Amino acid sequence: MAKKILIIEDDSAFQKALKKSLEREEYEVSAVSDGDTGIRAASEERPDLILLDIILPKKSGFEVMKYISSKPELASIPVIVLTNLEGSNDMEKMLTMGAQAFLVKANYSIKEIVDVIKRILK
């Protein structure tokens, strides 16, 4: 059965490219572009993995992460933070809240991001 991945990302070009690459790897992918919808989608879909941006409309990635880690039924879902913020405080904060990985978009190709996802989902 295909693993489900939820992308919470407001950059539509990046979101589409990532979604297409993941679908080529036969993952079932849904994508939303704001934190509120992301929380709803995570609760309803129970994905196998969440890709989360930090700077989002409506609710920030931090608020989404806080929500996910506070719900026992969602807390075990691996979260990969994808952002352009390189602040080590942000990284530390997200990893402390339970993120599995913190990737700065500018430093990774989509293929490299997909490789990290495959590793985490094995």
PDB file of N, CA and C in Angstrom:
ATOM      1  N   MET A   1       0.837  -1.198   0.000  1.00  0.00           N
ATOM      2  CA  MET A   1       0.000   0.000   0.000  1.00  0.00           C
ATOM      3  C   MET A   1       0.877   1.256   0.000  1.00  0.00           C
ATOM      4  N   ALA A   2       0.492   2.224  -0.790  1.00  0.00           N
ATOM      5  CA  ALA A   2       1.297   3.449  -0.907  1.00  0.00           C
ATOM      6  C   ALA A   2       1.310   4.225   0.404  1.00  0.00           C
ATOM      7  N   LYS A   3       2.474   4.740   0.746  1.00  0.00           N
ATOM      8  CA  LYS A   3       2.596   5.593   1.932  1.00  0.00           C
ATOM      9  C   LYS A   3       2.019   6.964   1.591  1.00  0.00           C
ATOM     10  N   LYS A   4       1.356   7.555   2.582  1.00  0.00           N
ATOM     11  CA  LYS A   4       0.742   8.874   2.377  1.00  0.00           C
ATOM     12  C   LYS A   4       1.639   9.975   2.928  1.00  0.00           C
ATOM     13  N   ILE A   5       1.809  11.009   2.111  1.00  0.00           N
ATOM     14  CA  ILE A   5       2.622  12.148   2.522  1.00  0.00           C
ATOM     15  C   ILE A   5       1.779  13.414   2.414  1.00  0.00           C
ATOM     16  N   LEU A   6       1.845  14.233   3.444  1.00  0.00           N
ATOM     17  CA  LEU A   6       1.144  15.523   3.451  1.00  0.00           C
ATOM     18  C   LEU A   6       2.195  16.629   3.348  1.00  0.00           C
ATOM     19  N   ILE A   7       2.037  17.485   2.340  1.00  0.00           N
ATOM     20  CA  ILE A   7       2.932  18.637   2.176  1.00  0.00           C
ATOM     21  C   ILE A   7       2.190  19.882   2.655  1.00  0.00           C
ATOM     22  N   ILE A   8       2.756  20.589   3.614  1.00  0.00           N
ATOM     23  CA  ILE A   8       2.177  21.856   4.082  1.00  0.00           C
ATOM     24  C   ILE A   8       3.174  22.939   3.684  1.00  0.00           C
ATOM     25  N   GLU A   9       2.908  23.598   2.562  1.00  0.00           N
ATOM     26  CA  GLU A   9       3.882  24.485   1.927  1.00  0.00           C
ATOM     27  C   GLU A   9       3.144  25.545   1.116  1.00  0.00           C
ATOM     28  N   ASP A  10       3.478  26.826   1.312  1.00  0.00           N
ATOM     29  CA  ASP A  10       2.753  27.891   0.600  1.00  0.00           C
ATOM     30  C   ASP A  10       3.415  28.336  -0.702  1.00  0.00           C
ATOM     31  N   ASP A  11       4.612  27.846  -0.995  1.00  0.00           N
ATOM     32  CA  ASP A  11       5.251  28.168  -2.276  1.00  0.00           C
ATOM     33  C   ASP A  11       4.715  27.180  -3.306  1.00  0.00           C
ATOM     34  N   SER A  12       3.779  27.644  -4.162  1.00  0.00           N
ATOM     35  CA  SER A  12       3.062  26.698  -5.015  1.00  0.00           C
ATOM     36  C   SER A  12       3.958  26.015  -6.048  1.00  0.00           C
ATOM     37  N   ALA A  13       4.953  26.703  -6.579  1.00  0.00           N
ATOM     38  CA  ALA A  13       5.847  26.076  -7.563  1.00  0.00           C
ATOM     39  C   ALA A  13       6.646  24.956  -6.897  1.00  0.00           C
ATOM     40  N   PHE A  14       7.179  25.238  -5.727  1.00  0.00           N
ATOM     41  CA  PHE A  14       7.954  24.228  -4.984  1.00  0.00           C
ATOM     42  C   PHE A  14       7.046  23.065  -4.586  1.00  0.00           C
ATOM     43  N   GLN A  15       5.846  23.407  -4.102  1.00  0.00           N
ATOM     44  CA  GLN A  15       4.893  22.388  -3.676  1.00  0.00           C
ATOM     45  C   GLN A  15       4.550  21.440  -4.836  1.00  0.00           C
ATOM     46  N   LYS A  16       4.258  22.011  -6.010  1.00  0.00           N
ATOM     47  CA  LYS A  16       3.907  21.189  -7.181  1.00  0.00           C
ATOM     48  C   LYS A  16       5.065  20.297  -7.613  1.00  0.00           C
ATOM     49  N   ALA A  17       6.269  20.852  -7.654  1.00  0.00           N
ATOM     50  CA  ALA A  17       7.449  20.079  -8.079  1.00  0.00           C
ATOM     51  C   ALA A  17       7.704  18.912  -7.120  1.00  0.00           C
ATOM     52  N   LEU A  18       7.600  19.194  -5.836  1.00  0.00           N
ATOM     53  CA  LEU A  18       7.827  18.169  -4.823  1.00  0.00           C
ATOM     54  C   LEU A  18       6.754  17.085  -4.915  1.00  0.00           C
ATOM     55  N   LYS A  19       5.500  17.506  -5.062  1.00  0.00           N
ATOM     56  CA  LYS A  19       4.380  16.567  -5.162  1.00  0.00           C
ATOM     57  C   LYS A  19       4.576  15.646  -6.360  1.00  0.00           C
ATOM     58  N   LYS A  20       4.937  16.224  -7.502  1.00  0.00           N
ATOM     59  CA  LYS A  20       5.141  15.438  -8.717  1.00  0.00           C
ATOM     60  C   LYS A  20       6.268  14.415  -8.517  1.00  0.00           C
ATOM     61  N   SER A  21       7.374  14.843  -7.921  1.00  0.00           N
ATOM     62  CA  SER A  21       8.504  13.926  -7.683  1.00  0.00           C
ATOM     63  C   SER A  21       8.116  12.790  -6.749  1.00  0.00           C
ATOM     64  N   LEU A  22       7.348  13.099  -5.727  1.00  0.00           N
ATOM     65  CA  LEU A  22       6.932  12.062  -4.770  1.00  0.00           C
ATOM     66  C   LEU A  22       5.935  11.098  -5.409  1.00  0.00           C
ATOM     67  N   GLU A  23       5.035  11.630  -6.240  1.00  0.00           N
ATOM     68  CA  GLU A  23       4.068  10.757  -6.925  1.00  0.00           C
ATOM     69  C   GLU A  23       4.787   9.816  -7.891  1.00  0.00           C
ATOM     70  N   ARG A  24       5.866  10.297  -8.519  1.00  0.00           N
ATOM     71  CA  ARG A  24       6.665   9.425  -9.397  1.00  0.00           C
ATOM     72  C   ARG A  24       7.260   8.260  -8.607  1.00  0.00           C
ATOM     73  N   GLU A  25       7.511   8.483  -7.323  1.00  0.00           N
ATOM     74  CA  GLU A  25       8.043   7.426  -6.447  1.00  0.00           C
ATOM     75  C   GLU A  25       6.910   6.580  -5.863  1.00  0.00           C
ATOM     76  N   GLU A  26       5.695   6.819  -6.368  1.00  0.00           N
ATOM     77  CA  GLU A  26       4.487   6.068  -5.975  1.00  0.00           C
ATOM     78  C   GLU A  26       4.012   6.313  -4.548  1.00  0.00           C
ATOM     79  N   TYR A  27       4.260   7.516  -4.058  1.00  0.00           N
ATOM     80  CA  TYR A  27       3.663   7.912  -2.787  1.00  0.00           C
ATOM     81  C   TYR A  27       2.311   8.546  -3.094  1.00  0.00           C
ATOM     82  N   GLU A  28       1.401   8.447  -2.144  1.00  0.00           N
ATOM     83  CA  GLU A  28       0.110   9.129  -2.249  1.00  0.00           C
ATOM     84  C   GLU A  28       0.329  10.491  -1.588  1.00  0.00           C
ATOM     85  N   VAL A  29       0.151  11.571  -2.338  1.00  0.00           N
ATOM     86  CA  VAL A  29       0.533  12.884  -1.827  1.00  0.00           C
ATOM     87  C   VAL A  29      -0.652  13.844  -1.811  1.00  0.00           C
ATOM     88  N   SER A  30      -0.837  14.530  -0.696  1.00  0.00           N
ATOM     89  CA  SER A  30      -1.785  15.644  -0.688  1.00  0.00           C
ATOM     90  C   SER A  30      -0.999  16.872  -0.251  1.00  0.00           C
ATOM     91  N   ALA A  31      -1.445  18.025  -0.730  1.00  0.00           N
ATOM     92  CA  ALA A  31      -0.708  19.252  -0.441  1.00  0.00           C
ATOM     93  C   ALA A  31      -1.682  20.365  -0.086  1.00  0.00           C
ATOM     94  N   VAL A  32      -1.324  21.144   0.929  1.00  0.00           N
ATOM     95  CA  VAL A  32      -2.127  22.296   1.348  1.00  0.00           C
ATOM     96  C   VAL A  32      -1.177  23.473   1.514  1.00  0.00           C
ATOM     97  N   SER A  33      -1.739  24.681   1.511  1.00  0.00           N
ATOM     98  CA  SER A  33      -0.843  25.836   1.511  1.00  0.00           C
ATOM     99  C   SER A  33      -0.962  26.758   2.719  1.00  0.00           C
ATOM    100  N   ASP A  34      -1.643  26.333   3.778  1.00  0.00           N
ATOM    101  CA  ASP A  34      -1.623  27.147   5.005  1.00  0.00           C
ATOM    102  C   ASP A  34      -1.694  26.242   6.235  1.00  0.00           C
ATOM    103  N   GLY A  35      -1.300  26.817   7.365  1.00  0.00           N
ATOM    104  CA  GLY A  35      -1.204  26.037   8.601  1.00  0.00           C
ATOM    105  C   GLY A  35      -2.527  25.492   9.105  1.00  0.00           C
ATOM    106  N   ASP A  36      -3.596  26.284   8.999  1.00  0.00           N
ATOM    107  CA  ASP A  36      -4.921  25.821   9.445  1.00  0.00           C
ATOM    108  C   ASP A  36      -5.350  24.577   8.690  1.00  0.00           C
ATOM    109  N   THR A  37      -5.266  24.657   7.362  1.00  0.00           N
ATOM    110  CA  THR A  37      -5.663  23.533   6.526  1.00  0.00           C
ATOM    111  C   THR A  37      -4.738  22.346   6.776  1.00  0.00           C
ATOM    112  N   GLY A  38      -3.474  22.641   7.037  1.00  0.00           N
ATOM    113  CA  GLY A  38      -2.507  21.591   7.336  1.00  0.00           C
ATOM    114  C   GLY A  38      -2.884  20.788   8.570  1.00  0.00           C
ATOM    115  N   ILE A  39      -3.302  21.479   9.614  1.00  0.00           N
ATOM    116  CA  ILE A  39      -3.727  20.802  10.845  1.00  0.00           C
ATOM    117  C   ILE A  39      -4.947  19.926  10.565  1.00  0.00           C
ATOM    118  N   ARG A  40      -5.907  20.489   9.823  1.00  0.00           N
ATOM    119  CA  ARG A  40      -7.110  19.723   9.482  1.00  0.00           C
ATOM    120  C   ARG A  40      -6.755  18.483   8.669  1.00  0.00           C
ATOM    121  N   ALA A  41      -5.909  18.671   7.653  1.00  0.00           N
ATOM    122  CA  ALA A  41      -5.524  17.558   6.779  1.00  0.00           C
ATOM    123  C   ALA A  41      -4.771  16.479   7.570  1.00  0.00           C
ATOM    124  N   ALA A  42      -3.885  16.889   8.459  1.00  0.00           N
ATOM    125  CA  ALA A  42      -3.123  15.916   9.265  1.00  0.00           C
ATOM    126  C   ALA A  42      -4.078  15.092  10.122  1.00  0.00           C
ATOM    127  N   SER A  43      -5.066  15.750  10.716  1.00  0.00           N
ATOM    128  CA  SER A  43      -6.020  15.062  11.578  1.00  0.00           C
ATOM    129  C   SER A  43      -6.911  14.107  10.797  1.00  0.00           C
ATOM    130  N   GLU A  44      -7.364  14.539   9.616  1.00  0.00           N
ATOM    131  CA  GLU A  44      -8.283  13.718   8.821  1.00  0.00           C
ATOM    132  C   GLU A  44      -7.570  12.599   8.067  1.00  0.00           C
ATOM    133  N   GLU A  45      -6.403  12.905   7.496  1.00  0.00           N
ATOM    134  CA  GLU A  45      -5.738  11.945   6.614  1.00  0.00           C
ATOM    135  C   GLU A  45      -4.788  10.994   7.328  1.00  0.00           C
ATOM    136  N   ARG A  46      -4.302  11.406   8.497  1.00  0.00           N
ATOM    137  CA  ARG A  46      -3.304  10.612   9.214  1.00  0.00           C
ATOM    138  C   ARG A  46      -2.200  10.128   8.267  1.00  0.00           C
ATOM    139  N   PRO A  47      -1.433  11.053   7.677  1.00  0.00           N
ATOM    140  CA  PRO A  47      -0.397  10.656   6.718  1.00  0.00           C
ATOM    141  C   PRO A  47       0.730   9.878   7.398  1.00  0.00           C
ATOM    142  N   ASP A  48       1.559   9.231   6.581  1.00  0.00           N
ATOM    143  CA  ASP A  48       2.717   8.502   7.105  1.00  0.00           C
ATOM    144  C   ASP A  48       3.880   9.446   7.360  1.00  0.00           C
ATOM    145  N   LEU A  49       3.824  10.629   6.720  1.00  0.00           N
ATOM    146  CA  LEU A  49       4.886  11.609   6.887  1.00  0.00           C
ATOM    147  C   LEU A  49       4.344  12.989   6.532  1.00  0.00           C
ATOM    148  N   ILE A  50       4.847  14.019   7.215  1.00  0.00           N
ATOM    149  CA  ILE A  50       4.428  15.398   6.937  1.00  0.00           C
ATOM    150  C   ILE A  50       5.665  16.216   6.574  1.00  0.00           C
ATOM    151  N   LEU A  51       5.555  16.969   5.477  1.00  0.00           N
ATOM    152  CA  LEU A  51       6.586  17.943   5.097  1.00  0.00           C
ATOM    153  C   LEU A  51       6.032  19.301   5.477  1.00  0.00           C
ATOM    154  N   LEU A  52       6.740  20.037   6.302  1.00  0.00           N
ATOM    155  CA  LEU A  52       6.197  21.252   6.897  1.00  0.00           C
ATOM    156  C   LEU A  52       7.100  22.456   6.690  1.00  0.00           C
ATOM    157  N   ASP A  53       6.545  23.504   6.115  1.00  0.00           N
ATOM    158  CA  ASP A  53       7.265  24.775   5.992  1.00  0.00           C
ATOM    159  C   ASP A  53       7.061  25.532   7.310  1.00  0.00           C
ATOM    160  N   ILE A  54       7.938  26.476   7.623  1.00  0.00           N
ATOM    161  CA  ILE A  54       7.771  27.256   8.866  1.00  0.00           C
ATOM    162  C   ILE A  54       6.928  28.497   8.616  1.00  0.00           C
ATOM    163  N   ILE A  55       7.251  29.240   7.546  1.00  0.00           N
ATOM    164  CA  ILE A  55       6.524  30.478   7.264  1.00  0.00           C
ATOM    165  C   ILE A  55       5.292  30.135   6.430  1.00  0.00           C
ATOM    166  N   LEU A  56       4.137  30.161   7.071  1.00  0.00           N
ATOM    167  CA  LEU A  56       2.882  29.784   6.414  1.00  0.00           C
ATOM    168  C   LEU A  56       1.802  30.801   6.744  1.00  0.00           C
ATOM    169  N   PRO A  57       0.825  30.970   5.848  1.00  0.00           N
ATOM    170  CA  PRO A  57      -0.338  31.800   6.199  1.00  0.00           C
ATOM    171  C   PRO A  57      -1.189  31.111   7.274  1.00  0.00           C
ATOM    172  N   LYS A  58      -1.963  31.889   7.987  1.00  0.00           N
ATOM    173  CA  LYS A  58      -2.933  31.457   9.009  1.00  0.00           C
ATOM    174  C   LYS A  58      -2.320  30.891  10.277  1.00  0.00           C
ATOM    175  N   LYS A  59      -1.534  29.824  10.188  1.00  0.00           N
ATOM    176  CA  LYS A  59      -0.804  29.313  11.354  1.00  0.00           C
ATOM    177  C   LYS A  59       0.608  28.995  10.908  1.00  0.00           C
ATOM    178  N   SER A  60       1.578  29.330  11.734  1.00  0.00           N
ATOM    179  CA  SER A  60       2.978  29.069  11.361  1.00  0.00           C
ATOM    180  C   SER A  60       3.288  27.579  11.495  1.00  0.00           C
ATOM    181  N   GLY A  61       4.414  27.193  10.900  1.00  0.00           N
ATOM    182  CA  GLY A  61       4.875  25.820  11.051  1.00  0.00           C
ATOM    183  C   GLY A  61       5.080  25.442  12.513  1.00  0.00           C
ATOM    184  N   PHE A  62       5.499  26.420  13.321  1.00  0.00           N
ATOM    185  CA  PHE A  62       5.677  26.144  14.759  1.00  0.00           C
ATOM    186  C   PHE A  62       4.335  25.776  15.403  1.00  0.00           C
ATOM    187  N   GLU A  63       3.281  26.537  15.053  1.00  0.00           N
ATOM    188  CA  GLU A  63       1.956  26.246  15.618  1.00  0.00           C
ATOM    189  C   GLU A  63       1.448  24.882  15.149  1.00  0.00           C
ATOM    190  N   VAL A  64       1.690  24.562  13.881  1.00  0.00           N
ATOM    191  CA  VAL A  64       1.277  23.258  13.342  1.00  0.00           C
ATOM    192  C   VAL A  64       2.026  22.147  14.075  1.00  0.00           C
ATOM    193  N   MET A  65       3.346  22.314  14.228  1.00  0.00           N
ATOM    194  CA  MET A  65       4.180  21.313  14.906  1.00  0.00           C
ATOM    195  C   MET A  65       3.724  21.115  16.353  1.00  0.00           C
ATOM    196  N   LYS A  66       3.411  22.229  17.012  1.00  0.00           N
ATOM    197  CA  LYS A  66       2.957  22.171  18.403  1.00  0.00           C
ATOM    198  C   LYS A  66       1.657  21.360  18.492  1.00  0.00           C
ATOM    199  N   TYR A  67       0.741  21.618  17.560  1.00  0.00           N
ATOM    200  CA  TYR A  67      -0.533  20.893  17.529  1.00  0.00           C
ATOM    201  C   TYR A  67      -0.288  19.400  17.305  1.00  0.00           C
ATOM    202  N   ILE A  68       0.498  19.080  16.281  1.00  0.00           N
ATOM    203  CA  ILE A  68       0.746  17.676  15.932  1.00  0.00           C
ATOM    204  C   ILE A  68       1.387  16.939  17.112  1.00  0.00           C
ATOM    205  N   SER A  69       2.398  17.559  17.726  1.00  0.00           N
ATOM    206  CA  SER A  69       3.091  16.868  18.819  1.00  0.00           C
ATOM    207  C   SER A  69       2.244  16.771  20.085  1.00  0.00           C
ATOM    208  N   SER A  70       1.164  17.573  20.166  1.00  0.00           N
ATOM    209  CA  SER A  70       0.310  17.520  21.367  1.00  0.00           C
ATOM    210  C   SER A  70      -0.808  16.477  21.243  1.00  0.00           C
ATOM    211  N   LYS A  71      -1.014  15.927  20.050  1.00  0.00           N
ATOM    212  CA  LYS A  71      -2.082  14.950  19.830  1.00  0.00           C
ATOM    213  C   LYS A  71      -1.490  13.545  19.753  1.00  0.00           C
ATOM    214  N   PRO A  72      -1.835  12.676  20.702  1.00  0.00           N
ATOM    215  CA  PRO A  72      -1.254  11.321  20.712  1.00  0.00           C
ATOM    216  C   PRO A  72      -1.426  10.584  19.376  1.00  0.00           C
ATOM    217  N   GLU A  73      -2.551  10.793  18.700  1.00  0.00           N
ATOM    218  CA  GLU A  73      -2.799  10.073  17.442  1.00  0.00           C
ATOM    219  C   GLU A  73      -1.962  10.616  16.279  1.00  0.00           C
ATOM    220  N   LEU A  74      -1.368  11.803  16.457  1.00  0.00           N
ATOM    221  CA  LEU A  74      -0.551  12.407  15.393  1.00  0.00           C
ATOM    222  C   LEU A  74       0.927  12.482  15.756  1.00  0.00           C
ATOM    223  N   ALA A  75       1.229  12.425  17.036  1.00  0.00           N
ATOM    224  CA  ALA A  75       2.598  12.679  17.518  1.00  0.00           C
ATOM    225  C   ALA A  75       3.630  11.712  16.949  1.00  0.00           C
ATOM    226  N   SER A  76       3.197  10.518  16.534  1.00  0.00           N
ATOM    227  CA  SER A  76       4.175   9.543  16.027  1.00  0.00           C
ATOM    228  C   SER A  76       4.456   9.713  14.528  1.00  0.00           C
ATOM    229  N   ILE A  77       3.743  10.629  13.862  1.00  0.00           N
ATOM    230  CA  ILE A  77       3.969  10.864  12.438  1.00  0.00           C
ATOM    231  C   ILE A  77       5.284  11.629  12.266  1.00  0.00           C
ATOM    232  N   PRO A  78       6.217  11.104  11.461  1.00  0.00           N
ATOM    233  CA  PRO A  78       7.460  11.846  11.259  1.00  0.00           C
ATOM    234  C   PRO A  78       7.198  13.156  10.510  1.00  0.00           C
ATOM    235  N   VAL A  79       7.851  14.218  10.970  1.00  0.00           N
ATOM    236  CA  VAL A  79       7.716  15.532  10.336  1.00  0.00           C
ATOM    237  C   VAL A  79       9.097  15.970   9.857  1.00  0.00           C
ATOM    238  N   ILE A  80       9.159  16.360   8.577  1.00  0.00           N
ATOM    239  CA  ILE A  80      10.384  16.949   8.037  1.00  0.00           C
ATOM    240  C   ILE A  80      10.095  18.425   7.813  1.00  0.00           C
ATOM    241  N   VAL A  81      10.893  19.277   8.432  1.00  0.00           N
ATOM    242  CA  VAL A  81      10.713  20.714   8.264  1.00  0.00           C
ATOM    243  C   VAL A  81      11.517  21.146   7.032  1.00  0.00           C
ATOM    244  N   LEU A  82      10.825  21.816   6.097  1.00  0.00           N
ATOM    245  CA  LEU A  82      11.456  22.343   4.881  1.00  0.00           C
ATOM    246  C   LEU A  82      11.286  23.850   4.918  1.00  0.00           C
ATOM    247  N   THR A  83      12.377  24.573   4.964  1.00  0.00           N
ATOM    248  CA  THR A  83      12.244  26.020   5.092  1.00  0.00           C
ATOM    249  C   THR A  83      13.412  26.729   4.428  1.00  0.00           C
ATOM    250  N   ASN A  84      13.297  28.018   4.278  1.00  0.00           N
ATOM    251  CA  ASN A  84      14.446  28.806   3.845  1.00  0.00           C
ATOM    252  C   ASN A  84      15.056  29.560   5.011  1.00  0.00           C
ATOM    253  N   LEU A  85      14.491  29.382   6.202  1.00  0.00           N
ATOM    254  CA  LEU A  85      15.062  30.018   7.391  1.00  0.00           C
ATOM    255  C   LEU A  85      16.236  29.176   7.867  1.00  0.00           C
ATOM    256  N   GLU A  86      17.384  29.789   7.972  1.00  0.00           N
ATOM    257  CA  GLU A  86      18.538  29.022   8.407  1.00  0.00           C
ATOM    258  C   GLU A  86      18.867  29.229   9.880  1.00  0.00           C
ATOM    259  N   GLY A  87      18.013  29.919  10.601  1.00  0.00           N
ATOM    260  CA  GLY A  87      18.306  30.189  12.007  1.00  0.00           C
ATOM    261  C   GLY A  87      18.408  28.915  12.820  1.00  0.00           C
ATOM    262  N   SER A  88      19.508  28.756  13.547  1.00  0.00           N
ATOM    263  CA  SER A  88      19.687  27.525  14.323  1.00  0.00           C
ATOM    264  C   SER A  88      18.670  27.443  15.467  1.00  0.00           C
ATOM    265  N   ASN A  89      18.152  28.589  15.920  1.00  0.00           N
ATOM    266  CA  ASN A  89      17.115  28.556  16.966  1.00  0.00           C
ATOM    267  C   ASN A  89      15.860  27.884  16.444  1.00  0.00           C
ATOM    268  N   ASP A  90      15.487  28.210  15.191  1.00  0.00           N
ATOM    269  CA  ASP A  90      14.310  27.591  14.584  1.00  0.00           C
ATOM    270  C   ASP A  90      14.519  26.083  14.485  1.00  0.00           C
ATOM    271  N   MET A  91      15.703  25.695  14.032  1.00  0.00           N
ATOM    272  CA  MET A  91      16.003  24.282  13.866  1.00  0.00           C
ATOM    273  C   MET A  91      15.923  23.564  15.207  1.00  0.00           C
ATOM    274  N   GLU A  92      16.588  24.145  16.203  1.00  0.00           N
ATOM    275  CA  GLU A  92      16.582  23.537  17.534  1.00  0.00           C
ATOM    276  C   GLU A  92      15.162  23.400  18.063  1.00  0.00           C
ATOM    277  N   LYS A  93      14.388  24.481  17.906  1.00  0.00           N
ATOM    278  CA  LYS A  93      13.017  24.494  18.407  1.00  0.00           C
ATOM    279  C   LYS A  93      12.188  23.391  17.743  1.00  0.00           C
ATOM    280  N   MET A  94      12.285  23.273  16.414  1.00  0.00           N
ATOM    281  CA  MET A  94      11.510  22.260  15.693  1.00  0.00           C
ATOM    282  C   MET A  94      11.954  20.840  16.055  1.00  0.00           C
ATOM    283  N   LEU A  95      13.257  20.627  16.174  1.00  0.00           N
ATOM    284  CA  LEU A  95      13.746  19.288  16.519  1.00  0.00           C
ATOM    285  C   LEU A  95      13.322  18.925  17.942  1.00  0.00           C
ATOM    286  N   THR A  96      13.341  19.898  18.838  1.00  0.00           N
ATOM    287  CA  THR A  96      12.894  19.676  20.213  1.00  0.00           C
ATOM    288  C   THR A  96      11.407  19.323  20.240  1.00  0.00           C
ATOM    289  N   MET A  97      10.640  19.932  19.325  1.00  0.00           N
ATOM    290  CA  MET A  97       9.193  19.670  19.271  1.00  0.00           C
ATOM    291  C   MET A  97       8.881  18.332  18.591  1.00  0.00           C
ATOM    292  N   GLY A  98       9.908  17.677  18.049  1.00  0.00           N
ATOM    293  CA  GLY A  98       9.673  16.343  17.497  1.00  0.00           C
ATOM    294  C   GLY A  98       9.939  16.162  16.011  1.00  0.00           C
ATOM    295  N   ALA A  99      10.397  17.210  15.322  1.00  0.00           N
ATOM    296  CA  ALA A  99      10.689  17.044  13.892  1.00  0.00           C
ATOM    297  C   ALA A  99      11.820  16.033  13.712  1.00  0.00           C
ATOM    298  N   GLN A 100      11.712  15.201  12.666  1.00  0.00           N
ATOM    299  CA  GLN A 100      12.727  14.184  12.374  1.00  0.00           C
ATOM    300  C   GLN A 100      13.928  14.779  11.655  1.00  0.00           C
ATOM    301  N   ALA A 101      13.673  15.810  10.840  1.00  0.00           N
ATOM    302  CA  ALA A 101      14.751  16.414  10.052  1.00  0.00           C
ATOM    303  C   ALA A 101      14.394  17.865   9.778  1.00  0.00           C
ATOM    304  N   PHE A 102      15.423  18.673   9.527  1.00  0.00           N
ATOM    305  CA  PHE A 102      15.246  20.097   9.256  1.00  0.00           C
ATOM    306  C   PHE A 102      16.080  20.396   8.027  1.00  0.00           C
ATOM    307  N   LEU A 103      15.432  20.641   6.894  1.00  0.00           N
ATOM    308  CA  LEU A 103      16.145  20.866   5.638  1.00  0.00           C
ATOM    309  C   LEU A 103      15.938  22.295   5.157  1.00  0.00           C
ATOM    310  N   VAL A 104      17.032  22.970   4.847  1.00  0.00           N
ATOM    311  CA  VAL A 104      16.942  24.312   4.273  1.00  0.00           C
ATOM    312  C   VAL A 104      16.802  24.135   2.761  1.00  0.00           C
ATOM    313  N   LYS A 105      15.640  24.570   2.229  1.00  0.00           N
ATOM    314  CA  LYS A 105      15.304  24.321   0.815  1.00  0.00           C
ATOM    315  C   LYS A 105      16.428  24.688  -0.142  1.00  0.00           C
ATOM    316  N   ALA A 106      17.077  25.820   0.082  1.00  0.00           N
ATOM    317  CA  ALA A 106      18.109  26.299  -0.832  1.00  0.00           C
ATOM    318  C   ALA A 106      19.303  25.340  -0.902  1.00  0.00           C
ATOM    319  N   ASN A 107      19.488  24.515   0.122  1.00  0.00           N
ATOM    320  CA  ASN A 107      20.654  23.626   0.178  1.00  0.00           C
ATOM    321  C   ASN A 107      20.390  22.225  -0.357  1.00  0.00           C
ATOM    322  N   TYR A 108      19.158  21.929  -0.752  1.00  0.00           N
ATOM    323  CA  TYR A 108      18.801  20.579  -1.177  1.00  0.00           C
ATOM    324  C   TYR A 108      18.052  20.611  -2.494  1.00  0.00           C
ATOM    325  N   SER A 109      18.356  19.654  -3.366  1.00  0.00           N
ATOM    326  CA  SER A 109      17.557  19.514  -4.584  1.00  0.00           C
ATOM    327  C   SER A 109      16.302  18.714  -4.198  1.00  0.00           C
ATOM    328  N   ILE A 110      15.311  18.729  -5.068  1.00  0.00           N
ATOM    329  CA  ILE A 110      14.094  17.942  -4.794  1.00  0.00           C
ATOM    330  C   ILE A 110      14.454  16.465  -4.689  1.00  0.00           C
ATOM    331  N   LYS A 111      15.365  16.005  -5.519  1.00  0.00           N
ATOM    332  CA  LYS A 111      15.778  14.597  -5.464  1.00  0.00           C
ATOM    333  C   LYS A 111      16.379  14.276  -4.088  1.00  0.00           C
ATOM    334  N   GLU A 112      17.196  15.179  -3.553  1.00  0.00           N
ATOM    335  CA  GLU A 112      17.798  14.940  -2.231  1.00  0.00           C
ATOM    336  C   GLU A 112      16.723  14.920  -1.137  1.00  0.00           C
ATOM    337  N   ILE A 113      15.734  15.781  -1.273  1.00  0.00           N
ATOM    338  CA  ILE A 113      14.628  15.799  -0.300  1.00  0.00           C
ATOM    339  C   ILE A 113      13.871  14.466  -0.366  1.00  0.00           C
ATOM    340  N   VAL A 114      13.599  14.004  -1.590  1.00  0.00           N
ATOM    341  CA  VAL A 114      12.907  12.712  -1.770  1.00  0.00           C
ATOM    342  C   VAL A 114      13.732  11.583  -1.153  1.00  0.00           C
ATOM    343  N   ASP A 115      15.055  11.634  -1.295  1.00  0.00           N
ATOM    344  CA  ASP A 115      15.915  10.602  -0.698  1.00  0.00           C
ATOM    345  C   ASP A 115      15.802  10.591   0.830  1.00  0.00           C
ATOM    346  N   VAL A 116      15.748  11.768   1.437  1.00  0.00           N
ATOM    347  CA  VAL A 116      15.590  11.858   2.895  1.00  0.00           C
ATOM    348  C   VAL A 116      14.240  11.255   3.301  1.00  0.00           C
ATOM    349  N   ILE A 117      13.201  11.564   2.539  1.00  0.00           N
ATOM    350  CA  ILE A 117      11.864  11.034   2.819  1.00  0.00           C
ATOM    351  C   ILE A 117      11.873   9.512   2.751  1.00  0.00           C
ATOM    352  N   LYS A 118      12.482   8.970   1.699  1.00  0.00           N
ATOM    353  CA  LYS A 118      12.542   7.502   1.540  1.00  0.00           C
ATOM    354  C   LYS A 118      13.249   6.872   2.730  1.00  0.00           C
ATOM    355  N   ARG A 119      14.351   7.490   3.172  1.00  0.00           N
ATOM    356  CA  ARG A 119      15.097   6.959   4.309  1.00  0.00           C
ATOM    357  C   ARG A 119      14.231   6.933   5.578  1.00  0.00           C
ATOM    358  N   ILE A 120      13.520   8.016   5.806  1.00  0.00           N
ATOM    359  CA  ILE A 120      12.700   8.114   7.025  1.00  0.00           C
ATOM    360  C   ILE A 120      11.517   7.140   6.965  1.00  0.00           C
ATOM    361  N   LEU A 121      10.964   6.909   5.790  1.00  0.00           N
ATOM    362  CA  LEU A 121       9.795   6.039   5.672  1.00  0.00           C
ATOM    363  C   LEU A 121      10.118   4.547   5.599  1.00  0.00           C
ATOM    364  N   LYS A 122      11.392   4.206   5.529  1.00  0.00           N
ATOM    365  CA  LYS A 122      11.757   2.773   5.451  1.00  0.00           C
ATOM    366  C   LYS A 122      11.468   2.071   6.749  1.00  0.00           C
TER     367      LYS A 122
END
